[in-house]
Amino acid sequence: MTTERVNPPELSPPTGFSHAVVATGSRVVFLAGQTALDTDGKITGETLTEQFEKALGNLLGALRAAGGTPADLARVTVYVTDVADYRARARELGRVWRDSAGRDYPAMAVVEVVRLWDERALVELDGFAVLP
């Protein structure tokens, strides 16, 4: 698989995401929304940062189980119940991302939602990856 991150100079410089990702490969993996659920099906973490770290770990765990790596991610959508809290914690969340997934950023969007499936969940991540 090859990926090319496209960040045109006429757009604002991206921070923690890529404006576009061109992916060429033979398998597409669609990743279901992941929250901060533990193996018992309970939400863990009280803060957005704690829940983001667990949700990202769950997303990457599903990706690895399908044979992929974080560099294979082409698109991720982050759903949060409080976008102002997300913006306030952007540095922390960026560190969590880099520590877990590296610096090959997929195309991303952050969307505020009224609530998630589990009422205790503050964040959910879904996406897709292109594998060789």
Protein backbone atom coordinates (compact mmCIF):
# COMPACT_ATOMS: atom_id res chain seq x y z
CA MET A 1 0.00 0.00 0.00
CA THR A 2 1.14 3.51 -0.65
CA THR A 3 -0.22 6.68 0.85
CA GLU A 4 0.44 10.23 -0.13
CA ARG A 5 -0.51 13.01 2.26
CA VAL A 6 -1.65 16.07 0.29
CA ASN A 7 -1.51 19.46 2.02
CA PRO A 8 -1.81 22.20 -0.60
CA PRO A 9 -0.02 25.47 0.21
CA GLU A 10 -3.18 27.47 -0.56
CA LEU A 11 -4.93 25.84 2.43
CA SER A 12 -4.24 26.59 6.07
CA PRO A 13 -1.35 24.43 7.34
CA PRO A 14 -2.80 21.30 8.97
CA THR A 15 -2.06 20.55 12.60
CA GLY A 16 -2.61 16.94 13.59
CA PHE A 17 -4.34 15.92 10.35
CA SER A 18 -3.82 15.87 6.59
CA HIS A 19 -6.11 17.73 4.17
CA ALA A 20 -6.21 14.72 1.85
CA VAL A 21 -4.77 11.23 1.72
CA VAL A 22 -4.37 9.38 -1.56
CA ALA A 23 -4.21 5.66 -0.79
CA THR A 24 -3.48 2.85 -3.19
CA GLY A 25 -3.78 -0.72 -2.04
CA SER A 26 -5.71 -3.90 -2.36
CA ARG A 27 -7.77 -4.03 0.85
CA VAL A 28 -9.97 -1.44 2.52
CA VAL A 29 -10.72 -1.90 6.23
CA PHE A 30 -13.74 -0.05 7.59
CA LEU A 31 -13.38 0.55 11.32
CA ALA A 32 -16.49 0.75 13.46
CA GLY A 33 -16.88 3.55 15.97
CA GLN A 34 -14.80 2.90 19.06
CA THR A 35 -15.34 4.46 22.46
CA ALA A 36 -13.43 3.96 25.72
CA LEU A 37 -14.97 0.54 26.37
CA ASP A 38 -12.93 -1.99 28.31
CA THR A 39 -13.20 -5.74 27.73
CA ASP A 40 -16.19 -5.88 30.09
CA GLY A 41 -18.10 -3.35 27.97
CA LYS A 42 -17.74 -0.51 30.48
CA ILE A 43 -16.58 3.02 29.66
CA THR A 44 -13.24 3.82 31.29
CA GLY A 45 -11.77 7.22 32.04
CA GLU A 46 -13.40 10.33 33.40
CA THR A 47 -11.76 12.96 31.20
CA LEU A 48 -11.87 13.43 27.45
CA THR A 49 -8.12 12.76 27.24
CA GLU A 50 -8.41 9.46 29.15
CA GLN A 51 -11.34 8.33 27.03
CA PHE A 52 -9.66 9.45 23.79
CA GLU A 53 -6.57 7.39 24.61
CA LYS A 54 -8.67 4.26 25.24
CA ALA A 55 -10.91 4.82 22.20
CA LEU A 56 -7.87 5.33 19.96
CA GLY A 57 -6.30 2.19 21.42
CA ASN A 58 -9.48 0.27 20.63
CA LEU A 59 -9.56 1.62 17.06
CA LEU A 60 -5.89 0.74 16.51
CA GLY A 61 -6.45 -2.68 18.09
CA ALA A 62 -9.22 -3.43 15.59
CA LEU A 63 -6.99 -2.18 12.77
CA ARG A 64 -4.07 -4.37 13.88
CA ALA A 65 -6.39 -7.39 14.15
CA ALA A 66 -7.33 -6.77 10.51
CA GLY A 67 -3.64 -6.72 9.55
CA GLY A 68 -3.09 -2.97 9.43
CA THR A 69 -0.93 -0.37 11.11
CA PRO A 70 -1.61 3.25 12.09
CA ALA A 71 0.20 4.41 8.92
CA ASP A 72 -2.52 2.62 6.88
CA LEU A 73 -5.26 4.91 8.22
CA ALA A 74 -6.72 7.01 5.43
CA ARG A 75 -9.64 8.64 7.27
CA VAL A 76 -10.70 9.08 10.91
CA THR A 77 -13.74 10.89 12.26
CA VAL A 78 -13.76 11.99 15.90
CA TYR A 79 -17.19 12.47 17.48
CA VAL A 80 -17.18 14.44 20.75
CA THR A 81 -19.91 15.61 23.09
CA ASP A 82 -18.07 18.90 23.75
CA VAL A 83 -15.96 20.39 20.97
CA ALA A 84 -14.83 23.25 23.23
CA ASP A 85 -13.31 20.69 25.62
CA TYR A 86 -11.67 18.96 22.65
CA ARG A 87 -10.12 22.25 21.50
CA ALA A 88 -8.95 23.06 25.04
CA ARG A 89 -7.21 19.66 25.24
CA ALA A 90 -5.85 19.68 21.68
CA ARG A 91 -2.20 19.53 22.78
CA GLU A 92 -2.84 16.59 25.11
CA LEU A 93 -4.87 14.77 22.48
CA GLY A 94 -2.19 15.40 19.87
CA ARG A 95 0.42 13.87 22.18
CA VAL A 96 -1.80 10.83 22.74
CA TRP A 97 -2.23 10.47 18.97
CA ARG A 98 1.50 10.77 18.24
CA ASP A 99 2.42 8.32 21.03
CA SER A 100 -0.09 5.75 19.75
CA ALA A 101 -0.33 6.31 16.00
CA GLY A 102 2.73 8.35 15.00
CA ARG A 103 2.86 11.34 12.70
CA ASP A 104 1.37 9.86 9.51
CA TYR A 105 -1.91 11.71 9.97
CA PRO A 106 -5.02 10.59 8.11
CA ALA A 107 -7.64 12.93 6.75
CA MET A 108 -9.70 13.80 9.83
CA ALA A 109 -12.81 15.59 11.02
CA VAL A 110 -14.05 16.43 14.51
CA VAL A 111 -17.82 16.53 14.91
CA GLU A 112 -19.77 17.57 18.01
CA VAL A 113 -22.73 15.35 18.83
CA VAL A 114 -25.46 15.62 21.45
CA ARG A 115 -24.56 12.23 22.91
CA LEU A 116 -23.06 8.90 22.01
CA TRP A 117 -24.50 5.39 22.32
CA ASP A 118 -23.17 4.96 25.85
CA GLU A 119 -24.21 8.00 27.90
CA ARG A 120 -20.85 8.06 29.74
CA ALA A 121 -18.87 8.22 26.50
CA LEU A 122 -17.30 11.60 25.70
CA VAL A 123 -15.62 10.57 22.43
CA GLU A 124 -15.91 8.02 19.63
CA LEU A 125 -13.55 7.41 16.71
CA ASP A 126 -14.24 5.61 13.45
CA GLY A 127 -12.47 5.47 10.13
CA PHE A 128 -11.03 3.39 7.37
CA ALA A 129 -7.62 2.15 6.29
CA VAL A 130 -6.17 0.94 3.02
CA LEU A 131 -3.89 -2.09 3.31
CA PRO A 132 -1.50 -3.59 0.75
